[in-house]
Amino acid sequence: MKIAIPTDDKTLNSNICASFGRAPYYLIYDTDTKESKFIENSAAQSAGGAGIKAAQIISDSNADAVIAPRCGENAADVLKQSNINIFKSKSADIAENLSAFAAKELSLLDEIHSGYHGRNGNER
């Protein structure tokens, strides 16, 4: 299974980014092989629609799940259409969340916000 996590930096010691659509990078972690790779979020600097574009990047990476602190409704819709489950992160620590996911301790993210339509995303 491949898990996508929005991150602030391209390192496993980075924090999970508070913004899904405007995260600088995404960690793609394969639970079977334990391989990690980072992909740049080309949508992060978009004037609008960053969440939708970011969700498409995640879908194109063949991720099966996302771990994030929050997600906007448009991005969530794209992820759901791609059969990608969104799990609520427990903390900003990547390793802690991967362990919690493996132990089935993360719940599905059920508080989807309306997004930051027309704003630049700095209102995090």
PDB file of N, CA and C in Angstrom:
ATOM      1  N   MET A   1       0.841  -1.177   0.000  1.00  0.00           N
ATOM      2  CA  MET A   1       0.000   0.000   0.000  1.00  0.00           C
ATOM      3  C   MET A   1       0.886   1.240   0.000  1.00  0.00           C
ATOM      4  N   LYS A   2       0.490   2.236  -0.777  1.00  0.00           N
ATOM      5  CA  LYS A   2       1.235   3.493  -0.825  1.00  0.00           C
ATOM      6  C   LYS A   2       0.457   4.576  -0.085  1.00  0.00           C
ATOM      7  N   ILE A   3       1.181   5.284   0.783  1.00  0.00           N
ATOM      8  CA  ILE A   3       0.592   6.344   1.588  1.00  0.00           C
ATOM      9  C   ILE A   3       1.241   7.664   1.191  1.00  0.00           C
ATOM     10  N   ALA A   4       0.446   8.686   0.976  1.00  0.00           N
ATOM     11  CA  ALA A   4       0.942  10.027   0.668  1.00  0.00           C
ATOM     12  C   ALA A   4       0.771  10.915   1.891  1.00  0.00           C
ATOM     13  N   ILE A   5       1.819  11.684   2.201  1.00  0.00           N
ATOM     14  CA  ILE A   5       1.796  12.583   3.353  1.00  0.00           C
ATOM     15  C   ILE A   5       2.351  13.935   2.918  1.00  0.00           C
ATOM     16  N   PRO A   6       1.604  15.022   3.128  1.00  0.00           N
ATOM     17  CA  PRO A   6       2.143  16.349   2.811  1.00  0.00           C
ATOM     18  C   PRO A   6       3.249  16.708   3.803  1.00  0.00           C
ATOM     19  N   THR A   7       4.392  17.175   3.285  1.00  0.00           N
ATOM     20  CA  THR A   7       5.521  17.478   4.162  1.00  0.00           C
ATOM     21  C   THR A   7       6.073  18.874   3.891  1.00  0.00           C
ATOM     22  N   ASP A   8       6.766  19.403   4.904  1.00  0.00           N
ATOM     23  CA  ASP A   8       7.397  20.711   4.784  1.00  0.00           C
ATOM     24  C   ASP A   8       8.742  20.624   4.057  1.00  0.00           C
ATOM     25  N   ASP A   9       9.432  19.493   4.185  1.00  0.00           N
ATOM     26  CA  ASP A   9      10.750  19.304   3.582  1.00  0.00           C
ATOM     27  C   ASP A   9      10.870  17.904   3.001  1.00  0.00           C
ATOM     28  N   LYS A  10      11.935  17.672   2.239  1.00  0.00           N
ATOM     29  CA  LYS A  10      12.157  16.372   1.597  1.00  0.00           C
ATOM     30  C   LYS A  10      13.006  15.461   2.488  1.00  0.00           C
ATOM     31  N   THR A  11      12.535  15.222   3.709  1.00  0.00           N
ATOM     32  CA  THR A  11      13.237  14.354   4.635  1.00  0.00           C
ATOM     33  C   THR A  11      12.221  13.692   5.564  1.00  0.00           C
ATOM     34  N   LEU A  12      12.526  12.494   6.004  1.00  0.00           N
ATOM     35  CA  LEU A  12      11.633  11.784   6.923  1.00  0.00           C
ATOM     36  C   LEU A  12      11.583  12.461   8.294  1.00  0.00           C
ATOM     37  N   ASN A  13      12.542  13.345   8.562  1.00  0.00           N
ATOM     38  CA  ASN A  13      12.552  14.085   9.828  1.00  0.00           C
ATOM     39  C   ASN A  13      11.728  15.369   9.746  1.00  0.00           C
ATOM     40  N   SER A  14      11.167  15.635   8.598  1.00  0.00           N
ATOM     41  CA  SER A  14      10.338  16.818   8.398  1.00  0.00           C
ATOM     42  C   SER A  14       9.021  16.671   9.157  1.00  0.00           C
ATOM     43  N   ASN A  15       8.321  17.776   9.272  1.00  0.00           N
ATOM     44  CA  ASN A  15       6.977  17.756   9.839  1.00  0.00           C
ATOM     45  C   ASN A  15       5.950  17.536   8.738  1.00  0.00           C
ATOM     46  N   ILE A  16       4.808  17.008   9.137  1.00  0.00           N
ATOM     47  CA  ILE A  16       3.671  16.951   8.229  1.00  0.00           C
ATOM     48  C   ILE A  16       3.198  18.387   8.042  1.00  0.00           C
ATOM     49  N   CYS A  17       2.982  18.780   6.809  1.00  0.00           N
ATOM     50  CA  CYS A  17       2.541  20.141   6.503  1.00  0.00           C
ATOM     51  C   CYS A  17       1.068  20.300   6.888  1.00  0.00           C
ATOM     52  N   ALA A  18       0.745  21.449   7.469  1.00  0.00           N
ATOM     53  CA  ALA A  18      -0.628  21.716   7.890  1.00  0.00           C
ATOM     54  C   ALA A  18      -1.571  21.905   6.706  1.00  0.00           C
ATOM     55  N   SER A  19      -1.031  22.272   5.558  1.00  0.00           N
ATOM     56  CA  SER A  19      -1.848  22.517   4.372  1.00  0.00           C
ATOM     57  C   SER A  19      -1.660  21.392   3.365  1.00  0.00           C
ATOM     58  N   PHE A  20      -2.730  20.713   3.016  1.00  0.00           N
ATOM     59  CA  PHE A  20      -2.628  19.633   2.035  1.00  0.00           C
ATOM     60  C   PHE A  20      -2.285  20.170   0.653  1.00  0.00           C
ATOM     61  N   GLY A  21      -3.075  21.086   0.143  1.00  0.00           N
ATOM     62  CA  GLY A  21      -2.913  21.562  -1.226  1.00  0.00           C
ATOM     63  C   GLY A  21      -1.686  22.410  -1.467  1.00  0.00           C
ATOM     64  N   ARG A  22      -1.204  23.065  -0.428  1.00  0.00           N
ATOM     65  CA  ARG A  22      -0.054  23.956  -0.589  1.00  0.00           C
ATOM     66  C   ARG A  22       1.211  23.407   0.072  1.00  0.00           C
ATOM     67  N   ALA A  23       1.213  22.141   0.404  1.00  0.00           N
ATOM     68  CA  ALA A  23       2.423  21.515   0.944  1.00  0.00           C
ATOM     69  C   ALA A  23       3.526  21.566  -0.116  1.00  0.00           C
ATOM     70  N   PRO A  24       4.750  21.857   0.286  1.00  0.00           N
ATOM     71  CA  PRO A  24       5.837  21.897  -0.702  1.00  0.00           C
ATOM     72  C   PRO A  24       6.130  20.528  -1.329  1.00  0.00           C
ATOM     73  N   TYR A  25       5.975  19.466  -0.533  1.00  0.00           N
ATOM     74  CA  TYR A  25       6.321  18.112  -0.994  1.00  0.00           C
ATOM     75  C   TYR A  25       5.302  17.106  -0.471  1.00  0.00           C
ATOM     76  N   TYR A  26       5.332  15.935  -1.083  1.00  0.00           N
ATOM     77  CA  TYR A  26       4.574  14.793  -0.578  1.00  0.00           C
ATOM     78  C   TYR A  26       5.517  13.619  -0.447  1.00  0.00           C
ATOM     79  N   LEU A  27       5.449  12.987   0.714  1.00  0.00           N
ATOM     80  CA  LEU A  27       6.145  11.726   0.907  1.00  0.00           C
ATOM     81  C   LEU A  27       5.232  10.645   0.369  1.00  0.00           C
ATOM     82  N   ILE A  28       5.778   9.773  -0.465  1.00  0.00           N
ATOM     83  CA  ILE A  28       5.055   8.582  -0.915  1.00  0.00           C
ATOM     84  C   ILE A  28       5.771   7.412  -0.259  1.00  0.00           C
ATOM     85  N   TYR A  29       5.086   6.775   0.683  1.00  0.00           N
ATOM     86  CA  TYR A  29       5.678   5.694   1.466  1.00  0.00           C
ATOM     87  C   TYR A  29       4.977   4.385   1.120  1.00  0.00           C
ATOM     88  N   ASP A  30       5.766   3.393   0.748  1.00  0.00           N
ATOM     89  CA  ASP A  30       5.234   2.074   0.405  1.00  0.00           C
ATOM     90  C   ASP A  30       5.321   1.178   1.637  1.00  0.00           C
ATOM     91  N   THR A  31       4.178   0.786   2.179  1.00  0.00           N
ATOM     92  CA  THR A  31       4.164  -0.018   3.406  1.00  0.00           C
ATOM     93  C   THR A  31       4.690  -1.429   3.183  1.00  0.00           C
ATOM     94  N   ASP A  32       4.669  -1.908   1.944  1.00  0.00           N
ATOM     95  CA  ASP A  32       5.160  -3.254   1.661  1.00  0.00           C
ATOM     96  C   ASP A  32       6.682  -3.299   1.551  1.00  0.00           C
ATOM     97  N   THR A  33       7.248  -2.354   0.806  1.00  0.00           N
ATOM     98  CA  THR A  33       8.698  -2.356   0.573  1.00  0.00           C
ATOM     99  C   THR A  33       9.451  -1.451   1.545  1.00  0.00           C
ATOM    100  N   LYS A  34       8.730  -0.611   2.278  1.00  0.00           N
ATOM    101  CA  LYS A  34       9.293   0.392   3.206  1.00  0.00           C
ATOM    102  C   LYS A  34      10.091   1.470   2.467  1.00  0.00           C
ATOM    103  N   GLU A  35       9.872   1.601   1.169  1.00  0.00           N
ATOM    104  CA  GLU A  35      10.559   2.621   0.387  1.00  0.00           C
ATOM    105  C   GLU A  35       9.851   3.960   0.533  1.00  0.00           C
ATOM    106  N   SER A  36      10.660   5.016   0.554  1.00  0.00           N
ATOM    107  CA  SER A  36      10.153   6.380   0.648  1.00  0.00           C
ATOM    108  C   SER A  36      10.661   7.174  -0.536  1.00  0.00           C
ATOM    109  N   LYS A  37       9.778   7.980  -1.110  1.00  0.00           N
ATOM    110  CA  LYS A  37      10.229   8.937  -2.114  1.00  0.00           C
ATOM    111  C   LYS A  37       9.429  10.207  -1.920  1.00  0.00           C
ATOM    112  N   PHE A  38      10.047  11.311  -2.283  1.00  0.00           N
ATOM    113  CA  PHE A  38       9.402  12.612  -2.162  1.00  0.00           C
ATOM    114  C   PHE A  38       9.131  13.148  -3.549  1.00  0.00           C
ATOM    115  N   ILE A  39       7.940  13.720  -3.706  1.00  0.00           N
ATOM    116  CA  ILE A  39       7.610  14.378  -4.963  1.00  0.00           C
ATOM    117  C   ILE A  39       7.288  15.832  -4.660  1.00  0.00           C
ATOM    118  N   GLU A  40       7.686  16.700  -5.562  1.00  0.00           N
ATOM    119  CA  GLU A  40       7.422  18.114  -5.392  1.00  0.00           C
ATOM    120  C   GLU A  40       5.967  18.408  -5.744  1.00  0.00           C
ATOM    121  N   ASN A  41       5.363  19.286  -4.987  1.00  0.00           N
ATOM    122  CA  ASN A  41       3.989  19.692  -5.255  1.00  0.00           C
ATOM    123  C   ASN A  41       4.007  20.895  -6.186  1.00  0.00           C
ATOM    124  N   SER A  42       3.860  20.660  -7.455  1.00  0.00           N
ATOM    125  CA  SER A  42       3.873  21.747  -8.428  1.00  0.00           C
ATOM    126  C   SER A  42       2.649  22.655  -8.286  1.00  0.00           C
ATOM    127  N   ALA A  43       1.653  22.231  -7.540  1.00  0.00           N
ATOM    128  CA  ALA A  43       0.447  23.029  -7.327  1.00  0.00           C
ATOM    129  C   ALA A  43       0.590  24.031  -6.183  1.00  0.00           C
ATOM    130  N   ALA A  44       1.637  23.916  -5.393  1.00  0.00           N
ATOM    131  CA  ALA A  44       1.774  24.722  -4.179  1.00  0.00           C
ATOM    132  C   ALA A  44       1.716  26.221  -4.430  1.00  0.00           C
ATOM    133  N   GLN A  45       2.221  26.666  -5.550  1.00  0.00           N
ATOM    134  CA  GLN A  45       2.259  28.099  -5.844  1.00  0.00           C
ATOM    135  C   GLN A  45       1.143  28.547  -6.793  1.00  0.00           C
ATOM    136  N   SER A  46       0.195  27.667  -7.052  1.00  0.00           N
ATOM    137  CA  SER A  46      -0.914  28.007  -7.947  1.00  0.00           C
ATOM    138  C   SER A  46      -1.738  29.156  -7.388  1.00  0.00           C
ATOM    139  N   ALA A  47      -2.224  29.990  -8.275  1.00  0.00           N
ATOM    140  CA  ALA A  47      -3.078  31.099  -7.847  1.00  0.00           C
ATOM    141  C   ALA A  47      -4.400  30.587  -7.287  1.00  0.00           C
ATOM    142  N   GLY A  48      -4.880  29.474  -7.797  1.00  0.00           N
ATOM    143  CA  GLY A  48      -6.126  28.882  -7.324  1.00  0.00           C
ATOM    144  C   GLY A  48      -6.170  27.413  -7.701  1.00  0.00           C
ATOM    145  N   GLY A  49      -7.014  26.675  -7.046  1.00  0.00           N
ATOM    146  CA  GLY A  49      -7.185  25.263  -7.357  1.00  0.00           C
ATOM    147  C   GLY A  49      -6.042  24.376  -6.910  1.00  0.00           C
ATOM    148  N   ALA A  50      -5.259  24.839  -5.936  1.00  0.00           N
ATOM    149  CA  ALA A  50      -4.098  24.065  -5.495  1.00  0.00           C
ATOM    150  C   ALA A  50      -4.501  22.696  -4.948  1.00  0.00           C
ATOM    151  N   GLY A  51      -5.575  22.634  -4.189  1.00  0.00           N
ATOM    152  CA  GLY A  51      -6.000  21.366  -3.597  1.00  0.00           C
ATOM    153  C   GLY A  51      -6.387  20.346  -4.643  1.00  0.00           C
ATOM    154  N   ILE A  52      -7.116  20.786  -5.659  1.00  0.00           N
ATOM    155  CA  ILE A  52      -7.531  19.877  -6.735  1.00  0.00           C
ATOM    156  C   ILE A  52      -6.307  19.361  -7.484  1.00  0.00           C
ATOM    157  N   LYS A  53      -5.396  20.274  -7.819  1.00  0.00           N
ATOM    158  CA  LYS A  53      -4.180  19.878  -8.543  1.00  0.00           C
ATOM    159  C   LYS A  53      -3.322  18.946  -7.695  1.00  0.00           C
ATOM    160  N   ALA A  54      -3.202  19.262  -6.411  1.00  0.00           N
ATOM    161  CA  ALA A  54      -2.414  18.427  -5.510  1.00  0.00           C
ATOM    162  C   ALA A  54      -3.027  17.029  -5.381  1.00  0.00           C
ATOM    163  N   ALA A  55      -4.340  16.966  -5.280  1.00  0.00           N
ATOM    164  CA  ALA A  55      -5.019  15.665  -5.188  1.00  0.00           C
ATOM    165  C   ALA A  55      -4.779  14.846  -6.449  1.00  0.00           C
ATOM    166  N   GLN A  56      -4.722  15.515  -7.603  1.00  0.00           N
ATOM    167  CA  GLN A  56      -4.444  14.802  -8.848  1.00  0.00           C
ATOM    168  C   GLN A  56      -3.009  14.277  -8.864  1.00  0.00           C
ATOM    169  N   ILE A  57      -2.073  15.048  -8.313  1.00  0.00           N
ATOM    170  CA  ILE A  57      -0.685  14.590  -8.204  1.00  0.00           C
ATOM    171  C   ILE A  57      -0.628  13.324  -7.347  1.00  0.00           C
ATOM    172  N   ILE A  58      -1.367  13.322  -6.242  1.00  0.00           N
ATOM    173  CA  ILE A  58      -1.408  12.157  -5.350  1.00  0.00           C
ATOM    174  C   ILE A  58      -2.035  10.975  -6.080  1.00  0.00           C
ATOM    175  N   SER A  59      -3.107  11.207  -6.789  1.00  0.00           N
ATOM    176  CA  SER A  59      -3.757  10.139  -7.550  1.00  0.00           C
ATOM    177  C   SER A  59      -2.805   9.566  -8.601  1.00  0.00           C
ATOM    178  N   ASP A  60      -2.091  10.444  -9.294  1.00  0.00           N
ATOM    179  CA  ASP A  60      -1.149  10.004 -10.324  1.00  0.00           C
ATOM    180  C   ASP A  60       0.030   9.224  -9.748  1.00  0.00           C
ATOM    181  N   SER A  61       0.303   9.409  -8.454  1.00  0.00           N
ATOM    182  CA  SER A  61       1.407   8.686  -7.807  1.00  0.00           C
ATOM    183  C   SER A  61       0.993   7.274  -7.390  1.00  0.00           C
ATOM    184  N   ASN A  62      -0.281   6.925  -7.648  1.00  0.00           N
ATOM    185  CA  ASN A  62      -0.838   5.612  -7.298  1.00  0.00           C
ATOM    186  C   ASN A  62      -0.933   5.380  -5.792  1.00  0.00           C
ATOM    187  N   ALA A  63      -1.108   6.466  -5.044  1.00  0.00           N
ATOM    188  CA  ALA A  63      -1.284   6.326  -3.598  1.00  0.00           C
ATOM    189  C   ALA A  63      -2.640   5.691  -3.310  1.00  0.00           C
ATOM    190  N   ASP A  64      -2.692   4.948  -2.215  1.00  0.00           N
ATOM    191  CA  ASP A  64      -3.924   4.307  -1.769  1.00  0.00           C
ATOM    192  C   ASP A  64      -4.569   5.066  -0.615  1.00  0.00           C
ATOM    193  N   ALA A  65      -3.746   5.874   0.078  1.00  0.00           N
ATOM    194  CA  ALA A  65      -4.225   6.598   1.257  1.00  0.00           C
ATOM    195  C   ALA A  65      -3.420   7.872   1.429  1.00  0.00           C
ATOM    196  N   VAL A  66      -4.016   8.817   2.142  1.00  0.00           N
ATOM    197  CA  VAL A  66      -3.366  10.068   2.511  1.00  0.00           C
ATOM    198  C   VAL A  66      -3.460  10.192   4.026  1.00  0.00           C
ATOM    199  N   ILE A  67      -2.387  10.673   4.632  1.00  0.00           N
ATOM    200  CA  ILE A  67      -2.414  11.041   6.048  1.00  0.00           C
ATOM    201  C   ILE A  67      -2.174  12.543   6.093  1.00  0.00           C
ATOM    202  N   ALA A  68      -3.117  13.286   6.650  1.00  0.00           N
ATOM    203  CA  ALA A  68      -3.016  14.742   6.694  1.00  0.00           C
ATOM    204  C   ALA A  68      -3.813  15.279   7.877  1.00  0.00           C
ATOM    205  N   PRO A  69      -3.449  16.470   8.348  1.00  0.00           N
ATOM    206  CA  PRO A  69      -4.212  17.061   9.459  1.00  0.00           C
ATOM    207  C   PRO A  69      -5.562  17.604   9.024  1.00  0.00           C
ATOM    208  N   ARG A  70      -5.672  18.003   7.747  1.00  0.00           N
ATOM    209  CA  ARG A  70      -6.926  18.534   7.229  1.00  0.00           C
ATOM    210  C   ARG A  70      -6.877  18.504   5.712  1.00  0.00           C
ATOM    211  N   CYS A  71      -8.056  18.716   5.111  1.00  0.00           N
ATOM    212  CA  CYS A  71      -8.154  18.669   3.657  1.00  0.00           C
ATOM    213  C   CYS A  71      -9.383  19.471   3.232  1.00  0.00           C
ATOM    214  N   GLY A  72      -9.263  20.189   2.138  1.00  0.00           N
ATOM    215  CA  GLY A  72     -10.384  20.953   1.606  1.00  0.00           C
ATOM    216  C   GLY A  72     -11.334  20.061   0.825  1.00  0.00           C
ATOM    217  N   GLU A  73     -12.559  20.533   0.671  1.00  0.00           N
ATOM    218  CA  GLU A  73     -13.590  19.695   0.052  1.00  0.00           C
ATOM    219  C   GLU A  73     -13.302  19.350  -1.408  1.00  0.00           C
ATOM    220  N   ASN A  74     -12.753  20.275  -2.178  1.00  0.00           N
ATOM    221  CA  ASN A  74     -12.470  19.964  -3.583  1.00  0.00           C
ATOM    222  C   ASN A  74     -11.384  18.905  -3.710  1.00  0.00           C
ATOM    223  N   ALA A  75     -10.330  19.039  -2.915  1.00  0.00           N
ATOM    224  CA  ALA A  75      -9.268  18.029  -2.917  1.00  0.00           C
ATOM    225  C   ALA A  75      -9.814  16.691  -2.429  1.00  0.00           C
ATOM    226  N   ALA A  76     -10.619  16.730  -1.379  1.00  0.00           N
ATOM    227  CA  ALA A  76     -11.199  15.497  -0.840  1.00  0.00           C
ATOM    228  C   ALA A  76     -12.068  14.800  -1.880  1.00  0.00           C
ATOM    229  N   ASP A  77     -12.818  15.584  -2.650  1.00  0.00           N
ATOM    230  CA  ASP A  77     -13.654  14.995  -3.701  1.00  0.00           C
ATOM    231  C   ASP A  77     -12.808  14.269  -4.740  1.00  0.00           C
ATOM    232  N   VAL A  78     -11.702  14.882  -5.169  1.00  0.00           N
ATOM    233  CA  VAL A  78     -10.815  14.244  -6.154  1.00  0.00           C
ATOM    234  C   VAL A  78     -10.215  12.967  -5.571  1.00  0.00           C
ATOM    235  N   LEU A  79      -9.769  13.028  -4.321  1.00  0.00           N
ATOM    236  CA  LEU A  79      -9.185  11.841  -3.687  1.00  0.00           C
ATOM    237  C   LEU A  79     -10.222  10.722  -3.569  1.00  0.00           C
ATOM    238  N   LYS A  80     -11.428  11.065  -3.162  1.00  0.00           N
ATOM    239  CA  LYS A  80     -12.483  10.052  -3.021  1.00  0.00           C
ATOM    240  C   LYS A  80     -12.832   9.428  -4.369  1.00  0.00           C
ATOM    241  N   GLN A  81     -12.872  10.243  -5.429  1.00  0.00           N
ATOM    242  CA  GLN A  81     -13.154   9.719  -6.767  1.00  0.00           C
ATOM    243  C   GLN A  81     -12.056   8.767  -7.231  1.00  0.00           C
ATOM    244  N   SER A  82     -10.855   8.941  -6.684  1.00  0.00           N
ATOM    245  CA  SER A  82      -9.727   8.066  -7.016  1.00  0.00           C
ATOM    246  C   SER A  82      -9.612   6.903  -6.027  1.00  0.00           C
ATOM    247  N   ASN A  83     -10.613   6.749  -5.163  1.00  0.00           N
ATOM    248  CA  ASN A  83     -10.635   5.683  -4.146  1.00  0.00           C
ATOM    249  C   ASN A  83      -9.445   5.757  -3.200  1.00  0.00           C
ATOM    250  N   ILE A  84      -9.059   6.985  -2.845  1.00  0.00           N
ATOM    251  CA  ILE A  84      -7.972   7.215  -1.903  1.00  0.00           C
ATOM    252  C   ILE A  84      -8.585   7.655  -0.579  1.00  0.00           C
ATOM    253  N   ASN A  85      -8.348   6.884   0.473  1.00  0.00           N
ATOM    254  CA  ASN A  85      -8.855   7.226   1.801  1.00  0.00           C
ATOM    255  C   ASN A  85      -7.979   8.295   2.435  1.00  0.00           C
ATOM    256  N   ILE A  86      -8.600   9.186   3.187  1.00  0.00           N
ATOM    257  CA  ILE A  86      -7.893  10.261   3.874  1.00  0.00           C
ATOM    258  C   ILE A  86      -7.965   9.991   5.370  1.00  0.00           C
ATOM    259  N   PHE A  87      -6.786   9.847   5.991  1.00  0.00           N
ATOM    260  CA  PHE A  87      -6.712   9.588   7.422  1.00  0.00           C
ATOM    261  C   PHE A  87      -6.206  10.829   8.148  1.00  0.00           C
ATOM    262  N   LYS A  88      -6.747  11.071   9.336  1.00  0.00           N
ATOM    263  CA  LYS A  88      -6.365  12.218  10.165  1.00  0.00           C
ATOM    264  C   LYS A  88      -5.051  11.923  10.865  1.00  0.00           C
ATOM    265  N   SER A  89      -4.076  12.804  10.673  1.00  0.00           N
ATOM    266  CA  SER A  89      -2.783  12.641  11.350  1.00  0.00           C
ATOM    267  C   SER A  89      -2.948  12.868  12.850  1.00  0.00           C
ATOM    268  N   LYS A  90      -2.094  12.201  13.634  1.00  0.00           N
ATOM    269  CA  LYS A  90      -2.134  12.333  15.089  1.00  0.00           C
ATOM    270  C   LYS A  90      -1.275  13.486  15.583  1.00  0.00           C
ATOM    271  N   SER A  91      -0.200  13.747  14.866  1.00  0.00           N
ATOM    272  CA  SER A  91       0.766  14.776  15.250  1.00  0.00           C
ATOM    273  C   SER A  91       1.459  15.247  13.983  1.00  0.00           C
ATOM    274  N   ALA A  92       2.493  16.058  14.133  1.00  0.00           N
ATOM    275  CA  ALA A  92       3.256  16.524  12.980  1.00  0.00           C
ATOM    276  C   ALA A  92       4.407  15.574  12.642  1.00  0.00           C
ATOM    277  N   ASP A  93       4.601  14.526  13.423  1.00  0.00           N
ATOM    278  CA  ASP A  93       5.715  13.600  13.241  1.00  0.00           C
ATOM    279  C   ASP A  93       5.369  12.505  12.222  1.00  0.00           C
ATOM    280  N   ILE A  94       6.145  12.418  11.163  1.00  0.00           N
ATOM    281  CA  ILE A  94       5.875  11.448  10.103  1.00  0.00           C
ATOM    282  C   ILE A  94       5.960  10.011  10.618  1.00  0.00           C
ATOM    283  N   ALA A  95       7.051   9.675  11.309  1.00  0.00           N
ATOM    284  CA  ALA A  95       7.250   8.300  11.780  1.00  0.00           C
ATOM    285  C   ALA A  95       6.130   7.866  12.724  1.00  0.00           C
ATOM    286  N   GLU A  96       5.711   8.759  13.600  1.00  0.00           N
ATOM    287  CA  GLU A  96       4.629   8.434  14.542  1.00  0.00           C
ATOM    288  C   GLU A  96       3.338   8.112  13.787  1.00  0.00           C
ATOM    289  N   ASN A  97       3.059   8.872  12.753  1.00  0.00           N
ATOM    290  CA  ASN A  97       1.845   8.640  11.975  1.00  0.00           C
ATOM    291  C   ASN A  97       1.922   7.364  11.146  1.00  0.00           C
ATOM    292  N   LEU A  98       3.087   7.054  10.603  1.00  0.00           N
ATOM    293  CA  LEU A  98       3.230   5.800   9.865  1.00  0.00           C
ATOM    294  C   LEU A  98       3.053   4.604  10.792  1.00  0.00           C
ATOM    295  N   SER A  99       3.590   4.711  12.006  1.00  0.00           N
ATOM    296  CA  SER A  99       3.409   3.633  13.000  1.00  0.00           C
ATOM    297  C   SER A  99       1.944   3.504  13.396  1.00  0.00           C
ATOM    298  N   ALA A 100       1.291   4.629  13.609  1.00  0.00           N
ATOM    299  CA  ALA A 100      -0.126   4.614  13.981  1.00  0.00           C
ATOM    300  C   ALA A 100      -0.972   4.040  12.847  1.00  0.00           C
ATOM    301  N   PHE A 101      -0.618   4.356  11.618  1.00  0.00           N
ATOM    302  CA  PHE A 101      -1.344   3.807  10.470  1.00  0.00           C
ATOM    303  C   PHE A 101      -1.191   2.285  10.432  1.00  0.00           C
ATOM    304  N   ALA A 102       0.031   1.813  10.600  1.00  0.00           N
ATOM    305  CA  ALA A 102       0.291   0.370  10.580  1.00  0.00           C
ATOM    306  C   ALA A 102      -0.469  -0.352  11.689  1.00  0.00           C
ATOM    307  N   ALA A 103      -0.628   0.312  12.829  1.00  0.00           N
ATOM    308  CA  ALA A 103      -1.345  -0.270  13.966  1.00  0.00           C
ATOM    309  C   ALA A 103      -2.855  -0.041  13.878  1.00  0.00           C
ATOM    310  N   LYS A 104      -3.304   0.562  12.749  1.00  0.00           N
ATOM    311  CA  LYS A 104      -4.723   0.859  12.530  1.00  0.00           C
ATOM    312  C   LYS A 104      -5.297   1.783  13.609  1.00  0.00           C
ATOM    313  N   GLU A 105      -4.468   2.739  14.048  1.00  0.00           N
ATOM    314  CA  GLU A 105      -4.877   3.679  15.085  1.00  0.00           C
ATOM    315  C   GLU A 105      -5.347   5.025  14.534  1.00  0.00           C
ATOM    316  N   LEU A 106      -5.239   5.238  13.231  1.00  0.00           N
ATOM    317  CA  LEU A 106      -5.677   6.506  12.650  1.00  0.00           C
ATOM    318  C   LEU A 106      -7.120   6.390  12.181  1.00  0.00           C
ATOM    319  N   SER A 107      -7.871   7.440  12.406  1.00  0.00           N
ATOM    320  CA  SER A 107      -9.259   7.441  11.949  1.00  0.00           C
ATOM    321  C   SER A 107      -9.353   8.182  10.619  1.00  0.00           C
ATOM    322  N   LEU A 108     -10.418   7.895   9.900  1.00  0.00           N
ATOM    323  CA  LEU A 108     -10.657   8.609   8.654  1.00  0.00           C
ATOM    324  C   LEU A 108     -10.919  10.079   8.970  1.00  0.00           C
ATOM    325  N   LEU A 109     -10.412  10.957   8.137  1.00  0.00           N
ATOM    326  CA  LEU A 109     -10.628  12.387   8.305  1.00  0.00           C
ATOM    327  C   LEU A 109     -12.067  12.690   7.928  1.00  0.00           C
ATOM    328  N   ASP A 110     -12.841  13.129   8.894  1.00  0.00           N
ATOM    329  CA  ASP A 110     -14.256  13.383   8.617  1.00  0.00           C
ATOM    330  C   ASP A 110     -14.610  14.867   8.677  1.00  0.00           C
ATOM    331  N   GLU A 111     -13.661  15.710   9.038  1.00  0.00           N
ATOM    332  CA  GLU A 111     -13.892  17.151   9.071  1.00  0.00           C
ATOM    333  C   GLU A 111     -13.221  17.773   7.860  1.00  0.00           C
ATOM    334  N   ILE A 112     -13.936  17.834   6.759  1.00  0.00           N
ATOM    335  CA  ILE A 112     -13.420  18.402   5.518  1.00  0.00           C
ATOM    336  C   ILE A 112     -13.833  19.871   5.487  1.00  0.00           C
ATOM    337  N   HIS A 113     -12.848  20.776   5.344  1.00  0.00           N
ATOM    338  CA  HIS A 113     -13.188  22.197   5.336  1.00  0.00           C
ATOM    339  C   HIS A 113     -13.522  22.666   3.925  1.00  0.00           C
ATOM    340  N   SER A 114     -14.108  23.834   3.833  1.00  0.00           N
ATOM    341  CA  SER A 114     -14.592  24.336   2.547  1.00  0.00           C
ATOM    342  C   SER A 114     -13.484  24.820   1.629  1.00  0.00           C
ATOM    343  N   GLY A 115     -12.270  24.926   2.120  1.00  0.00           N
ATOM    344  CA  GLY A 115     -11.148  25.348   1.280  1.00  0.00           C
ATOM    345  C   GLY A 115     -10.892  26.830   1.422  1.00  0.00           C
ATOM    346  N   TYR A 116      -9.904  27.284   0.686  1.00  0.00           N
ATOM    347  CA  TYR A 116      -9.495  28.687   0.743  1.00  0.00           C
ATOM    348  C   TYR A 116      -9.719  29.343  -0.609  1.00  0.00           C
ATOM    349  N   HIS A 117     -10.864  29.141  -1.176  1.00  0.00           N
ATOM    350  CA  HIS A 117     -11.194  29.623  -2.512  1.00  0.00           C
ATOM    351  C   HIS A 117     -10.940  31.126  -2.636  1.00  0.00           C
ATOM    352  N   GLY A 118     -10.130  31.474  -3.634  1.00  0.00           N
ATOM    353  CA  GLY A 118      -9.878  32.874  -3.905  1.00  0.00           C
ATOM    354  C   GLY A 118      -8.848  33.531  -3.000  1.00  0.00           C
ATOM    355  N   ARG A 119      -8.268  32.768  -2.100  1.00  0.00           N
ATOM    356  CA  ARG A 119      -7.225  33.316  -1.221  1.00  0.00           C
ATOM    357  C   ARG A 119      -5.919  32.618  -1.554  1.00  0.00           C
ATOM    358  N   ASN A 120      -4.833  33.114  -1.040  1.00  0.00           N
ATOM    359  CA  ASN A 120      -3.536  32.585  -1.427  1.00  0.00           C
ATOM    360  C   ASN A 120      -3.026  31.462  -0.543  1.00  0.00           C
ATOM    361  N   GLY A 121      -3.785  31.009   0.412  1.00  0.00           N
ATOM    362  CA  GLY A 121      -3.380  29.878   1.221  1.00  0.00           C
ATOM    363  C   GLY A 121      -2.554  30.243   2.436  1.00  0.00           C
ATOM    364  N   ASN A 122      -2.264  31.513   2.637  1.00  0.00           N
ATOM    365  CA  ASN A 122      -1.476  31.915   3.792  1.00  0.00           C
ATOM    366  C   ASN A 122      -2.302  31.996   5.062  1.00  0.00           C
ATOM    367  N   GLU A 123      -3.588  31.719   4.955  1.00  0.00           N
ATOM    368  CA  GLU A 123      -4.485  31.818   6.107  1.00  0.00           C
ATOM    369  C   GLU A 123      -4.492  30.539   6.925  1.00  0.00           C
ATOM    370  N   ARG A 124      -3.542  29.687   6.754  1.00  0.00           N
ATOM    371  CA  ARG A 124      -3.474  28.402   7.440  1.00  0.00           C
ATOM    372  C   ARG A 124      -3.625  28.607   8.900  1.00  0.00           C
TER     373      ARG A 124
END
